[in-house]
């Protein structure tokens, strides 16, 4: 059976409605893995023939989550960043991303500053 964006949205809504904590996010991650192996979804939303940039695929007004596709034209090197009180689940549709995990070494007492 083909797993579609519509299926993924329904699974995200169910997971996050039932569990707004790490359990729900883990269910979303598992569902994202199923979606990213679907060639039709990848070609339609993340494929090489699409314009580079960010596309909002879905926004859930009730639960406050978004599904976004980022299509990078060239290699990109971002710096360390914090999502604050929000969270993000990333999936890789094509090629690869090298990620660096940073460790904070200060005590976090200075607002807007982190020594890593």
PDB file of N, CA and C in Angstrom:
ATOM      1  N   UNK A   1       0.840  -1.184   0.000  1.00  0.00           N
ATOM      2  CA  UNK A   1       0.000   0.000   0.000  1.00  0.00           C
ATOM      3  C   UNK A   1       0.886   1.249   0.000  1.00  0.00           C
ATOM      4  N   UNK A   2       0.554   2.194  -0.812  1.00  0.00           N
ATOM      5  CA  UNK A   2       1.301   3.448  -0.900  1.00  0.00           C
ATOM      6  C   UNK A   2       0.959   4.309   0.313  1.00  0.00           C
ATOM      7  N   UNK A   3       1.996   4.871   0.911  1.00  0.00           N
ATOM      8  CA  UNK A   3       1.845   5.777   2.051  1.00  0.00           C
ATOM      9  C   UNK A   3       1.993   7.186   1.511  1.00  0.00           C
ATOM     10  N   UNK A   4       0.981   8.015   1.687  1.00  0.00           N
ATOM     11  CA  UNK A   4       0.935   9.342   1.082  1.00  0.00           C
ATOM     12  C   UNK A   4       1.084  10.441   2.133  1.00  0.00           C
ATOM     13  N   UNK A   5       1.243  11.664   1.639  1.00  0.00           N
ATOM     14  CA  UNK A   5       1.269  12.819   2.521  1.00  0.00           C
ATOM     15  C   UNK A   5      -0.019  12.882   3.340  1.00  0.00           C
ATOM     16  N   UNK A   6      -1.139  12.576   2.714  1.00  0.00           N
ATOM     17  CA  UNK A   6      -2.427  12.582   3.416  1.00  0.00           C
ATOM     18  C   UNK A   6      -2.414  11.557   4.566  1.00  0.00           C
ATOM     19  N   UNK A   7      -1.863  10.363   4.320  1.00  0.00           N
ATOM     20  CA  UNK A   7      -1.737   9.362   5.378  1.00  0.00           C
ATOM     21  C   UNK A   7      -0.834   9.872   6.507  1.00  0.00           C
ATOM     22  N   UNK A   8       0.288  10.493   6.109  1.00  0.00           N
ATOM     23  CA  UNK A   8       1.233  11.016   7.089  1.00  0.00           C
ATOM     24  C   UNK A   8       0.577  12.084   7.957  1.00  0.00           C
ATOM     25  N   UNK A   9      -0.160  12.986   7.354  1.00  0.00           N
ATOM     26  CA  UNK A   9      -0.860  14.032   8.112  1.00  0.00           C
ATOM     27  C   UNK A   9      -1.812  13.404   9.123  1.00  0.00           C
ATOM     28  N   UNK A  10      -2.588  12.426   8.678  1.00  0.00           N
ATOM     29  CA  UNK A  10      -3.538  11.759   9.579  1.00  0.00           C
ATOM     30  C   UNK A  10      -2.806  11.070  10.728  1.00  0.00           C
ATOM     31  N   UNK A  11      -1.684  10.418  10.427  1.00  0.00           N
ATOM     32  CA  UNK A  11      -0.917   9.746  11.474  1.00  0.00           C
ATOM     33  C   UNK A  11      -0.300  10.752  12.448  1.00  0.00           C
ATOM     34  N   UNK A  12       0.181  11.881  11.938  1.00  0.00           N
ATOM     35  CA  UNK A  12       0.729  12.928  12.811  1.00  0.00           C
ATOM     36  C   UNK A  12      -0.356  13.465  13.733  1.00  0.00           C
ATOM     37  N   UNK A  13      -1.509  13.751  13.177  1.00  0.00           N
ATOM     38  CA  UNK A  13      -2.615  14.274  13.989  1.00  0.00           C
ATOM     39  C   UNK A  13      -2.999  13.288  15.086  1.00  0.00           C
ATOM     40  N   UNK A  14      -3.090  12.021  14.730  1.00  0.00           N
ATOM     41  CA  UNK A  14      -3.463  11.002  15.721  1.00  0.00           C
ATOM     42  C   UNK A  14      -2.386  10.888  16.798  1.00  0.00           C
ATOM     43  N   UNK A  15      -1.128  10.820  16.382  1.00  0.00           N
ATOM     44  CA  UNK A  15      -0.030  10.658  17.337  1.00  0.00           C
ATOM     45  C   UNK A  15       0.055  11.831  18.299  1.00  0.00           C
ATOM     46  N   UNK A  16      -0.041  13.043  17.775  1.00  0.00           N
ATOM     47  CA  UNK A  16       0.121  14.228  18.614  1.00  0.00           C
ATOM     48  C   UNK A  16      -1.128  14.548  19.426  1.00  0.00           C
ATOM     49  N   UNK A  17      -2.275  14.083  18.975  1.00  0.00           N
ATOM     50  CA  UNK A  17      -3.503  14.245  19.767  1.00  0.00           C
ATOM     51  C   UNK A  17      -3.484  13.310  20.969  1.00  0.00           C
ATOM     52  N   UNK A  18      -2.972  12.104  20.757  1.00  0.00           N
ATOM     53  CA  UNK A  18      -2.921  11.105  21.831  1.00  0.00           C
ATOM     54  C   UNK A  18      -1.777  11.359  22.801  1.00  0.00           C
ATOM     55  N   UNK A  19      -0.642  11.827  22.278  1.00  0.00           N
ATOM     56  CA  UNK A  19       0.568  11.991  23.089  1.00  0.00           C
ATOM     57  C   UNK A  19       1.294  13.259  22.656  1.00  0.00           C
ATOM     58  N   UNK A  20       1.176  14.323  23.425  1.00  0.00           N
ATOM     59  CA  UNK A  20       1.846  15.573  23.060  1.00  0.00           C
ATOM     60  C   UNK A  20       3.280  15.616  23.583  1.00  0.00           C
ATOM     61  N   UNK A  21       3.795  14.472  24.007  1.00  0.00           N
ATOM     62  CA  UNK A  21       5.138  14.397  24.561  1.00  0.00           C
ATOM     63  C   UNK A  21       6.069  13.631  23.616  1.00  0.00           C
ATOM     64  N   UNK A  22       7.160  13.138  24.135  1.00  0.00           N
ATOM     65  CA  UNK A  22       8.148  12.445  23.300  1.00  0.00           C
ATOM     66  C   UNK A  22       7.586  11.186  22.643  1.00  0.00           C
ATOM     67  N   UNK A  23       6.590  10.563  23.243  1.00  0.00           N
ATOM     68  CA  UNK A  23       5.989   9.371  22.621  1.00  0.00           C
ATOM     69  C   UNK A  23       5.300   9.735  21.303  1.00  0.00           C
ATOM     70  N   UNK A  24       4.584  10.834  21.292  1.00  0.00           N
ATOM     71  CA  UNK A  24       3.932  11.285  20.060  1.00  0.00           C
ATOM     72  C   UNK A  24       4.946  11.669  19.003  1.00  0.00           C
ATOM     73  N   UNK A  25       6.004  12.343  19.412  1.00  0.00           N
ATOM     74  CA  UNK A  25       7.050  12.735  18.458  1.00  0.00           C
ATOM     75  C   UNK A  25       7.752  11.511  17.884  1.00  0.00           C
ATOM     76  N   UNK A  26       7.929  10.479  18.676  1.00  0.00           N
ATOM     77  CA  UNK A  26       8.541   9.241  18.165  1.00  0.00           C
ATOM     78  C   UNK A  26       7.624   8.584  17.137  1.00  0.00           C
ATOM     79  N   UNK A  27       6.332   8.636  17.351  1.00  0.00           N
ATOM     80  CA  UNK A  27       5.390   8.099  16.366  1.00  0.00           C
ATOM     81  C   UNK A  27       5.452   8.900  15.064  1.00  0.00           C
ATOM     82  N   UNK A  28       5.589  10.216  15.174  1.00  0.00           N
ATOM     83  CA  UNK A  28       5.736  11.055  13.982  1.00  0.00           C
ATOM     84  C   UNK A  28       7.015  10.691  13.240  1.00  0.00           C
ATOM     85  N   UNK A  29       8.108  10.506  13.968  1.00  0.00           N
ATOM     86  CA  UNK A  29       9.381  10.131  13.346  1.00  0.00           C
ATOM     87  C   UNK A  29       9.253   8.807  12.583  1.00  0.00           C
ATOM     88  N   UNK A  30       8.611   7.845  13.199  1.00  0.00           N
ATOM     89  CA  UNK A  30       8.409   6.546  12.543  1.00  0.00           C
ATOM     90  C   UNK A  30       7.577   6.702  11.278  1.00  0.00           C
ATOM     91  N   UNK A  31       6.543   7.513  11.337  1.00  0.00           N
ATOM     92  CA  UNK A  31       5.704   7.749  10.158  1.00  0.00           C
ATOM     93  C   UNK A  31       6.468   8.485   9.063  1.00  0.00           C
ATOM     94  N   UNK A  32       7.329   9.422   9.453  1.00  0.00           N
ATOM     95  CA  UNK A  32       8.135  10.142   8.466  1.00  0.00           C
ATOM     96  C   UNK A  32       9.054   9.177   7.722  1.00  0.00           C
ATOM     97  N   UNK A  33       9.607   8.213   8.419  1.00  0.00           N
ATOM     98  CA  UNK A  33      10.451   7.202   7.761  1.00  0.00           C
ATOM     99  C   UNK A  33       9.662   6.469   6.676  1.00  0.00           C
ATOM    100  N   UNK A  34       8.408   6.149   6.965  1.00  0.00           N
ATOM    101  CA  UNK A  34       7.557   5.470   5.970  1.00  0.00           C
ATOM    102  C   UNK A  34       7.311   6.374   4.766  1.00  0.00           C
ATOM    103  N   UNK A  35       7.096   7.664   5.014  1.00  0.00           N
ATOM    104  CA  UNK A  35       6.805   8.596   3.925  1.00  0.00           C
ATOM    105  C   UNK A  35       8.006   8.811   3.017  1.00  0.00           C
ATOM    106  N   UNK A  36       9.182   8.901   3.605  1.00  0.00           N
ATOM    107  CA  UNK A  36      10.377   9.241   2.825  1.00  0.00           C
ATOM    108  C   UNK A  36      10.897   8.106   1.951  1.00  0.00           C
ATOM    109  N   UNK A  37      10.332   6.920   2.069  1.00  0.00           N
ATOM    110  CA  UNK A  37      10.708   5.840   1.142  1.00  0.00           C
ATOM    111  C   UNK A  37       9.734   5.739  -0.027  1.00  0.00           C
ATOM    112  N   UNK A  38       8.746   6.610  -0.050  1.00  0.00           N
ATOM    113  CA  UNK A  38       7.764   6.626  -1.139  1.00  0.00           C
ATOM    114  C   UNK A  38       8.270   7.501  -2.275  1.00  0.00           C
ATOM    115  N   UNK A  39       8.605   6.881  -3.389  1.00  0.00           N
ATOM    116  CA  UNK A  39       9.153   7.608  -4.537  1.00  0.00           C
ATOM    117  C   UNK A  39       8.232   8.715  -5.029  1.00  0.00           C
ATOM    118  N   UNK A  40       6.944   8.472  -5.058  1.00  0.00           N
ATOM    119  CA  UNK A  40       6.004   9.485  -5.551  1.00  0.00           C
ATOM    120  C   UNK A  40       6.053  10.729  -4.676  1.00  0.00           C
ATOM    121  N   UNK A  41       6.027  10.540  -3.354  1.00  0.00           N
ATOM    122  CA  UNK A  41       6.103  11.686  -2.461  1.00  0.00           C
ATOM    123  C   UNK A  41       7.413  12.438  -2.659  1.00  0.00           C
ATOM    124  N   UNK A  42       8.515  11.714  -2.681  1.00  0.00           N
ATOM    125  CA  UNK A  42       9.831  12.352  -2.809  1.00  0.00           C
ATOM    126  C   UNK A  42       9.926  13.105  -4.129  1.00  0.00           C
ATOM    127  N   UNK A  43       9.530  12.491  -5.229  1.00  0.00           N
ATOM    128  CA  UNK A  43       9.608  13.161  -6.533  1.00  0.00           C
ATOM    129  C   UNK A  43       8.709  14.394  -6.602  1.00  0.00           C
ATOM    130  N   UNK A  44       7.521  14.295  -6.021  1.00  0.00           N
ATOM    131  CA  UNK A  44       6.567  15.406  -6.079  1.00  0.00           C
ATOM    132  C   UNK A  44       6.923  16.560  -5.137  1.00  0.00           C
ATOM    133  N   UNK A  45       7.622  16.270  -4.043  1.00  0.00           N
ATOM    134  CA  UNK A  45       7.834  17.287  -3.018  1.00  0.00           C
ATOM    135  C   UNK A  45       9.289  17.607  -2.717  1.00  0.00           C
ATOM    136  N   UNK A  46      10.195  16.745  -3.135  1.00  0.00           N
ATOM    137  CA  UNK A  46      11.613  16.929  -2.798  1.00  0.00           C
ATOM    138  C   UNK A  46      12.521  16.618  -3.977  1.00  0.00           C
ATOM    139  N   UNK A  47      11.942  16.413  -5.128  1.00  0.00           N
ATOM    140  CA  UNK A  47      12.701  15.933  -6.274  1.00  0.00           C
ATOM    141  C   UNK A  47      13.641  16.955  -6.881  1.00  0.00           C
ATOM    142  N   UNK A  48      14.573  16.465  -7.683  1.00  0.00           N
ATOM    143  CA  UNK A  48      15.598  17.329  -8.272  1.00  0.00           C
ATOM    144  C   UNK A  48      15.056  18.321  -9.301  1.00  0.00           C
ATOM    145  N   UNK A  49      13.858  18.118  -9.790  1.00  0.00           N
ATOM    146  CA  UNK A  49      13.290  19.034 -10.782  1.00  0.00           C
ATOM    147  C   UNK A  49      12.534  20.202 -10.151  1.00  0.00           C
ATOM    148  N   UNK A  50      12.455  20.209  -8.834  1.00  0.00           N
ATOM    149  CA  UNK A  50      11.735  21.274  -8.141  1.00  0.00           C
ATOM    150  C   UNK A  50      12.662  22.445  -7.833  1.00  0.00           C
ATOM    151  N   UNK A  51      12.062  23.596  -7.694  1.00  0.00           N
ATOM    152  CA  UNK A  51      12.818  24.813  -7.392  1.00  0.00           C
ATOM    153  C   UNK A  51      13.350  24.763  -5.962  1.00  0.00           C
ATOM    154  N   UNK A  52      14.567  25.238  -5.783  1.00  0.00           N
ATOM    155  CA  UNK A  52      15.165  25.284  -4.450  1.00  0.00           C
ATOM    156  C   UNK A  52      14.385  26.241  -3.558  1.00  0.00           C
ATOM    157  N   UNK A  53      14.355  25.911  -2.286  1.00  0.00           N
ATOM    158  CA  UNK A  53      13.673  26.757  -1.318  1.00  0.00           C
ATOM    159  C   UNK A  53      12.892  25.930  -0.321  1.00  0.00           C
ATOM    160  N   UNK A  54      12.056  26.610   0.409  1.00  0.00           N
ATOM    161  CA  UNK A  54      11.245  25.974   1.439  1.00  0.00           C
ATOM    162  C   UNK A  54       9.791  25.988   1.003  1.00  0.00           C
ATOM    163  N   UNK A  55       9.142  24.829   1.126  1.00  0.00           N
ATOM    164  CA  UNK A  55       7.725  24.709   0.765  1.00  0.00           C
ATOM    165  C   UNK A  55       6.945  24.218   1.969  1.00  0.00           C
ATOM    166  N   UNK A  56       5.930  24.953   2.337  1.00  0.00           N
ATOM    167  CA  UNK A  56       5.025  24.522   3.396  1.00  0.00           C
ATOM    168  C   UNK A  56       4.048  23.530   2.787  1.00  0.00           C
ATOM    169  N   UNK A  57       4.152  22.269   3.177  1.00  0.00           N
ATOM    170  CA  UNK A  57       3.285  21.226   2.632  1.00  0.00           C
ATOM    171  C   UNK A  57       1.977  21.101   3.401  1.00  0.00           C
ATOM    172  N   UNK A  58       2.031  21.433   4.685  1.00  0.00           N
ATOM    173  CA  UNK A  58       0.832  21.326   5.517  1.00  0.00           C
ATOM    174  C   UNK A  58       1.046  22.108   6.799  1.00  0.00           C
ATOM    175  N   UNK A  59      -0.008  22.749   7.272  1.00  0.00           N
ATOM    176  CA  UNK A  59       0.019  23.426   8.560  1.00  0.00           C
ATOM    177  C   UNK A  59      -1.231  23.038   9.320  1.00  0.00           C
ATOM    178  N   UNK A  60      -1.055  22.530  10.501  1.00  0.00           N
ATOM    179  CA  UNK A  60      -2.180  22.120  11.326  1.00  0.00           C
ATOM    180  C   UNK A  60      -2.473  23.214  12.344  1.00  0.00           C
ATOM    181  N   UNK A  61      -3.572  23.893  12.141  1.00  0.00           N
ATOM    182  CA  UNK A  61      -3.936  25.009  13.017  1.00  0.00           C
ATOM    183  C   UNK A  61      -4.319  24.533  14.417  1.00  0.00           C
ATOM    184  N   UNK A  62      -4.927  23.347  14.512  1.00  0.00           N
ATOM    185  CA  UNK A  62      -5.384  22.858  15.811  1.00  0.00           C
ATOM    186  C   UNK A  62      -4.229  22.411  16.695  1.00  0.00           C
ATOM    187  N   UNK A  63      -3.302  21.654  16.141  1.00  0.00           N
ATOM    188  CA  UNK A  63      -2.215  21.085  16.934  1.00  0.00           C
ATOM    189  C   UNK A  63      -0.921  21.883  16.826  1.00  0.00           C
ATOM    190  N   UNK A  64      -0.846  22.816  15.874  1.00  0.00           N
ATOM    191  CA  UNK A  64       0.285  23.721  15.786  1.00  0.00           C
ATOM    192  C   UNK A  64       1.548  23.147  15.168  1.00  0.00           C
ATOM    193  N   UNK A  65       1.418  22.146  14.309  1.00  0.00           N
ATOM    194  CA  UNK A  65       2.616  21.626  13.652  1.00  0.00           C
ATOM    195  C   UNK A  65       2.572  21.925  12.160  1.00  0.00           C
ATOM    196  N   UNK A  66       3.737  21.907  11.559  1.00  0.00           N
ATOM    197  CA  UNK A  66       3.878  22.134  10.120  1.00  0.00           C
ATOM    198  C   UNK A  66       4.683  20.992   9.507  1.00  0.00           C
ATOM    199  N   UNK A  67       4.412  20.742   8.239  1.00  0.00           N
ATOM    200  CA  UNK A  67       5.218  19.817   7.449  1.00  0.00           C
ATOM    201  C   UNK A  67       5.837  20.660   6.343  1.00  0.00           C
ATOM    202  N   UNK A  68       7.158  20.702   6.334  1.00  0.00           N
ATOM    203  CA  UNK A  68       7.892  21.594   5.438  1.00  0.00           C
ATOM    204  C   UNK A  68       8.912  20.785   4.648  1.00  0.00           C
ATOM    205  N   UNK A  69       9.059  21.101   3.366  1.00  0.00           N
ATOM    206  CA  UNK A  69      10.115  20.509   2.543  1.00  0.00           C
ATOM    207  C   UNK A  69      11.163  21.587   2.278  1.00  0.00           C
ATOM    208  N   UNK A  70      12.414  21.256   2.551  1.00  0.00           N
ATOM    209  CA  UNK A  70      13.536  22.148   2.257  1.00  0.00           C
ATOM    210  C   UNK A  70      14.303  21.542   1.085  1.00  0.00           C
ATOM    211  N   UNK A  71      14.403  22.279   0.007  1.00  0.00           N
ATOM    212  CA  UNK A  71      15.166  21.822  -1.155  1.00  0.00           C
ATOM    213  C   UNK A  71      16.357  22.747  -1.297  1.00  0.00           C
ATOM    214  N   UNK A  72      17.522  22.174  -1.095  1.00  0.00           N
ATOM    215  CA  UNK A  72      18.751  22.953  -1.126  1.00  0.00           C
ATOM    216  C   UNK A  72      19.370  22.863  -2.516  1.00  0.00           C
ATOM    217  N   UNK A  73      19.717  24.004  -3.082  1.00  0.00           N
ATOM    218  CA  UNK A  73      20.334  24.038  -4.411  1.00  0.00           C
ATOM    219  C   UNK A  73      21.802  23.647  -4.335  1.00  0.00           C
ATOM    220  N   UNK A  74      22.489  24.152  -3.337  1.00  0.00           N
ATOM    221  CA  UNK A  74      23.907  23.896  -3.161  1.00  0.00           C
ATOM    222  C   UNK A  74      24.155  23.409  -1.742  1.00  0.00           C
ATOM    223  N   UNK A  75      25.356  22.990  -1.500  1.00  0.00           N
ATOM    224  CA  UNK A  75      25.731  22.606  -0.148  1.00  0.00           C
ATOM    225  C   UNK A  75      25.491  23.792   0.784  1.00  0.00           C
ATOM    226  N   UNK A  76      25.074  23.490   1.976  1.00  0.00           N
ATOM    227  CA  UNK A  76      24.731  24.529   2.943  1.00  0.00           C
ATOM    228  C   UNK A  76      25.382  24.163   4.274  1.00  0.00           C
ATOM    229  N   UNK A  77      25.977  25.132   4.902  1.00  0.00           N
ATOM    230  CA  UNK A  77      26.565  24.897   6.216  1.00  0.00           C
ATOM    231  C   UNK A  77      25.945  25.861   7.205  1.00  0.00           C
ATOM    232  N   UNK A  78      25.079  25.341   8.039  1.00  0.00           N
ATOM    233  CA  UNK A  78      24.443  26.158   9.058  1.00  0.00           C
ATOM    234  C   UNK A  78      25.193  26.044  10.359  1.00  0.00           C
ATOM    235  N   UNK A  79      25.052  27.027  11.180  1.00  0.00           N
ATOM    236  CA  UNK A  79      25.705  27.001  12.477  1.00  0.00           C
ATOM    237  C   UNK A  79      24.823  26.363  13.523  1.00  0.00           C
ATOM    238  N   UNK A  80      25.336  26.271  14.729  1.00  0.00           N
ATOM    239  CA  UNK A  80      24.525  25.717  15.808  1.00  0.00           C
ATOM    240  C   UNK A  80      23.311  26.604  16.051  1.00  0.00           C
ATOM    241  N   UNK A  81      22.209  25.973  16.362  1.00  0.00           N
ATOM    242  CA  UNK A  81      20.990  26.729  16.646  1.00  0.00           C
ATOM    243  C   UNK A  81      20.120  25.943  17.614  1.00  0.00           C
ATOM    244  N   UNK A  82      19.186  26.640  18.195  1.00  0.00           N
ATOM    245  CA  UNK A  82      18.301  26.070  19.198  1.00  0.00           C
ATOM    246  C   UNK A  82      16.873  26.318  18.748  1.00  0.00           C
ATOM    247  N   UNK A  83      16.037  25.329  18.877  1.00  0.00           N
ATOM    248  CA  UNK A  83      14.632  25.485  18.516  1.00  0.00           C
ATOM    249  C   UNK A  83      13.797  26.034  19.668  1.00  0.00           C
ATOM    250  N   UNK A  84      14.469  26.396  20.746  1.00  0.00           N
ATOM    251  CA  UNK A  84      13.753  26.974  21.884  1.00  0.00           C
ATOM    252  C   UNK A  84      12.772  25.973  22.470  1.00  0.00           C
ATOM    253  N   UNK A  85      11.570  26.433  22.715  1.00  0.00           N
ATOM    254  CA  UNK A  85      10.554  25.571  23.312  1.00  0.00           C
ATOM    255  C   UNK A  85       9.881  24.675  22.272  1.00  0.00           C
ATOM    256  N   UNK A  86      10.178  24.885  20.994  1.00  0.00           N
ATOM    257  CA  UNK A  86       9.570  24.066  19.948  1.00  0.00           C
ATOM    258  C   UNK A  86      10.459  22.861  19.660  1.00  0.00           C
ATOM    259  N   UNK A  87      10.017  22.012  18.765  1.00  0.00           N
ATOM    260  CA  UNK A  87      10.789  20.832  18.394  1.00  0.00           C
ATOM    261  C   UNK A  87      10.708  20.646  16.892  1.00  0.00           C
ATOM    262  N   UNK A  88      11.619  19.876  16.349  1.00  0.00           N
ATOM    263  CA  UNK A  88      11.639  19.582  14.919  1.00  0.00           C
ATOM    264  C   UNK A  88      12.057  18.133  14.723  1.00  0.00           C
ATOM    265  N   UNK A  89      11.462  17.515  13.733  1.00  0.00           N
ATOM    266  CA  UNK A  89      11.867  16.178  13.310  1.00  0.00           C
ATOM    267  C   UNK A  89      12.286  16.310  11.861  1.00  0.00           C
ATOM    268  N   UNK A  90      13.534  15.964  11.578  1.00  0.00           N
ATOM    269  CA  UNK A  90      14.068  16.076  10.231  1.00  0.00           C
ATOM    270  C   UNK A  90      14.138  14.698   9.587  1.00  0.00           C
ATOM    271  N   UNK A  91      13.893  14.666   8.297  1.00  0.00           N
ATOM    272  CA  UNK A  91      14.082  13.450   7.522  1.00  0.00           C
ATOM    273  C   UNK A  91      14.845  13.786   6.257  1.00  0.00           C
ATOM    274  N   UNK A  92      15.628  12.876   5.804  1.00  0.00           N
ATOM    275  CA  UNK A  92      16.442  13.089   4.608  1.00  0.00           C
ATOM    276  C   UNK A  92      15.801  12.331   3.451  1.00  0.00           C
ATOM    277  N   UNK A  93      15.336  13.061   2.427  1.00  0.00           N
ATOM    278  CA  UNK A  93      14.670  12.426   1.292  1.00  0.00           C
ATOM    279  C   UNK A  93      15.669  11.980   0.225  1.00  0.00           C
ATOM    280  N   UNK A  94      16.640  12.801  -0.067  1.00  0.00           N
ATOM    281  CA  UNK A  94      17.653  12.477  -1.076  1.00  0.00           C
ATOM    282  C   UNK A  94      19.017  12.928  -0.576  1.00  0.00           C
ATOM    283  N   UNK A  95      20.046  12.343  -1.126  1.00  0.00           N
ATOM    284  CA  UNK A  95      21.435  12.648  -0.798  1.00  0.00           C
ATOM    285  C   UNK A  95      21.701  12.476   0.692  1.00  0.00           C
ATOM    286  N   UNK A  96      22.431  13.394   1.299  1.00  0.00           N
ATOM    287  CA  UNK A  96      22.800  13.226   2.706  1.00  0.00           C
ATOM    288  C   UNK A  96      23.023  14.589   3.344  1.00  0.00           C
ATOM    289  N   UNK A  97      23.049  14.576   4.650  1.00  0.00           N
ATOM    290  CA  UNK A  97      23.389  15.756   5.435  1.00  0.00           C
ATOM    291  C   UNK A  97      24.384  15.342   6.498  1.00  0.00           C
ATOM    292  N   UNK A  98      25.476  16.081   6.608  1.00  0.00           N
ATOM    293  CA  UNK A  98      26.416  15.880   7.701  1.00  0.00           C
ATOM    294  C   UNK A  98      25.959  16.766   8.849  1.00  0.00           C
ATOM    295  N   UNK A  99      25.729  16.159   9.993  1.00  0.00           N
ATOM    296  CA  UNK A  99      25.273  16.900  11.165  1.00  0.00           C
ATOM    297  C   UNK A  99      26.381  16.922  12.207  1.00  0.00           C
ATOM    298  N   UNK A 100      26.475  18.021  12.920  1.00  0.00           N
ATOM    299  CA  UNK A 100      27.390  18.147  14.042  1.00  0.00           C
ATOM    300  C   UNK A 100      26.555  18.278  15.307  1.00  0.00           C
ATOM    301  N   UNK A 101      26.864  17.484  16.286  1.00  0.00           N
ATOM    302  CA  UNK A 101      26.209  17.628  17.586  1.00  0.00           C
ATOM    303  C   UNK A 101      27.105  18.473  18.468  1.00  0.00           C
ATOM    304  N   UNK A 102      26.514  19.497  19.050  1.00  0.00           N
ATOM    305  CA  UNK A 102      27.257  20.427  19.892  1.00  0.00           C
ATOM    306  C   UNK A 102      26.935  20.141  21.344  1.00  0.00           C
ATOM    307  N   UNK A 103      27.882  20.381  22.199  1.00  0.00           N
ATOM    308  CA  UNK A 103      27.679  20.243  23.637  1.00  0.00           C
ATOM    309  C   UNK A 103      27.882  21.603  24.287  1.00  0.00           C
ATOM    310  N   UNK A 104      26.903  22.002  25.035  1.00  0.00           N
ATOM    311  CA  UNK A 104      26.994  23.280  25.735  1.00  0.00           C
ATOM    312  C   UNK A 104      27.894  23.105  26.947  1.00  0.00           C
ATOM    313  N   UNK A 105      28.843  24.022  27.111  1.00  0.00           N
ATOM    314  CA  UNK A 105      29.787  23.891  28.219  1.00  0.00           C
ATOM    315  C   UNK A 105      29.678  25.027  29.238  1.00  0.00           C
ATOM    316  N   UNK A 106      28.816  26.021  28.983  1.00  0.00           N
ATOM    317  CA  UNK A 106      28.597  27.052  30.000  1.00  0.00           C
ATOM    318  C   UNK A 106      27.383  26.653  30.842  1.00  0.00           C
ATOM    319  N   UNK A 107      27.044  27.472  31.814  1.00  0.00           N
ATOM    320  CA  UNK A 107      25.953  27.109  32.723  1.00  0.00           C
ATOM    321  C   UNK A 107      24.581  27.570  32.249  1.00  0.00           C
ATOM    322  N   UNK A 108      24.506  28.238  31.092  1.00  0.00           N
ATOM    323  CA  UNK A 108      23.218  28.675  30.551  1.00  0.00           C
ATOM    324  C   UNK A 108      22.616  29.877  31.237  1.00  0.00           C
ATOM    325  N   UNK A 109      23.378  30.559  32.060  1.00  0.00           N
ATOM    326  CA  UNK A 109      22.824  31.686  32.829  1.00  0.00           C
ATOM    327  C   UNK A 109      22.771  32.996  32.047  1.00  0.00           C
ATOM    328  N   UNK A 110      23.536  33.099  30.964  1.00  0.00           N
ATOM    329  CA  UNK A 110      23.564  34.344  30.196  1.00  0.00           C
ATOM    330  C   UNK A 110      22.575  34.222  29.029  1.00  0.00           C
ATOM    331  N   UNK A 111      21.517  35.039  29.079  1.00  0.00           N
ATOM    332  CA  UNK A 111      20.472  34.995  28.067  1.00  0.00           C
ATOM    333  C   UNK A 111      21.031  35.335  26.678  1.00  0.00           C
ATOM    334  N   UNK A 112      20.719  34.527  25.683  1.00  0.00           N
ATOM    335  CA  UNK A 112      21.165  34.774  24.312  1.00  0.00           C
ATOM    336  C   UNK A 112      22.591  34.372  24.037  1.00  0.00           C
ATOM    337  N   UNK A 113      23.224  33.663  24.948  1.00  0.00           N
ATOM    338  CA  UNK A 113      24.618  33.261  24.776  1.00  0.00           C
ATOM    339  C   UNK A 113      24.775  31.805  25.164  1.00  0.00           C
ATOM    340  N   UNK A 114      25.575  31.101  24.392  1.00  0.00           N
ATOM    341  CA  UNK A 114      25.930  29.729  24.751  1.00  0.00           C
ATOM    342  C   UNK A 114      27.376  29.469  24.340  1.00  0.00           C
ATOM    343  N   UNK A 115      28.145  28.932  25.250  1.00  0.00           N
ATOM    344  CA  UNK A 115      29.499  28.505  24.914  1.00  0.00           C
ATOM    345  C   UNK A 115      29.410  27.015  24.599  1.00  0.00           C
ATOM    346  N   UNK A 116      29.878  26.668  23.372  1.00  0.00           N
ATOM    347  CA  UNK A 116      29.762  25.275  22.943  1.00  0.00           C
ATOM    348  C   UNK A 116      31.116  24.682  22.627  1.00  0.00           C
TER     349      UNK A 116
END
